[in-house]
């Protein structure tokens, strides 16, 4: 297959994912409403009596809520692999003369695009309520979201490619999604943790994403943005390689 045909295949799959996303309006609404509930209900409740490093608690958790939106949107996106298989769309794609890597890349770009729409909506709301200090910081956060989304969407696709049913996928999510979120530093500073939590945090790719968002929106970082970027790229490369292999072995 020529390079042009390869990228045309990637583009076709990518565009299909975007059209499906915007056709299902409830996905867009729920993806924004759930993070807002965390910001205004959870953050507002604690924010009345808690400030961290002189920053209002709602402002402190906003980068973490962005990370939650990326994580939840990315991981649940992997479930659509299962539905595509049930609807025979995936079968039609996989039996076509298209490299499996092109299918994975198109799916990954589609998932990233979906997540970036959600993040952009949250950032606009954040600007309105002053959770985001400036438009420049919002644009910087969108750039960070691209990197975090690439990592998390790839992970979601790896899981989806190895699951046979939505029930199995949901079970795995209970042991992956919530532990990743709760150990990422999204809701509390990662200081003076017990040694076992410190190990978990350092092995959690989302914790580097949260730190990167905090740099973009709060101007603070515990690890340094270079380390954050390198670790996220490293995890992304591993998940993409594993995901591509999973797609090559996938039975339809």
Foldseek 3Di string as FASTA:
>chain_A
DDPVVLVVLLVVLLVVLQVVLVVPVVNLVVLQVVLVCCLCPVLVVVQVPDDDPNHRLSLLLLLLSLLLSLQVLQQVLLQVLQVCVVVCVVVVVLVPPHQLLSNLSSSLSNSLVSSLSSLLVSVVVCVVVVSFPDPQLSVQLSVLSSLSNLLNNLQNNLLSLPDNDPVVSVVVCVVPSVVLSVLQCSNHHPPPDPPVSVVVNVVRLSNLSSQSSCCSGVVDHDPDVVVSNVSSVVSSVVSSVSSSVSSVPRDD
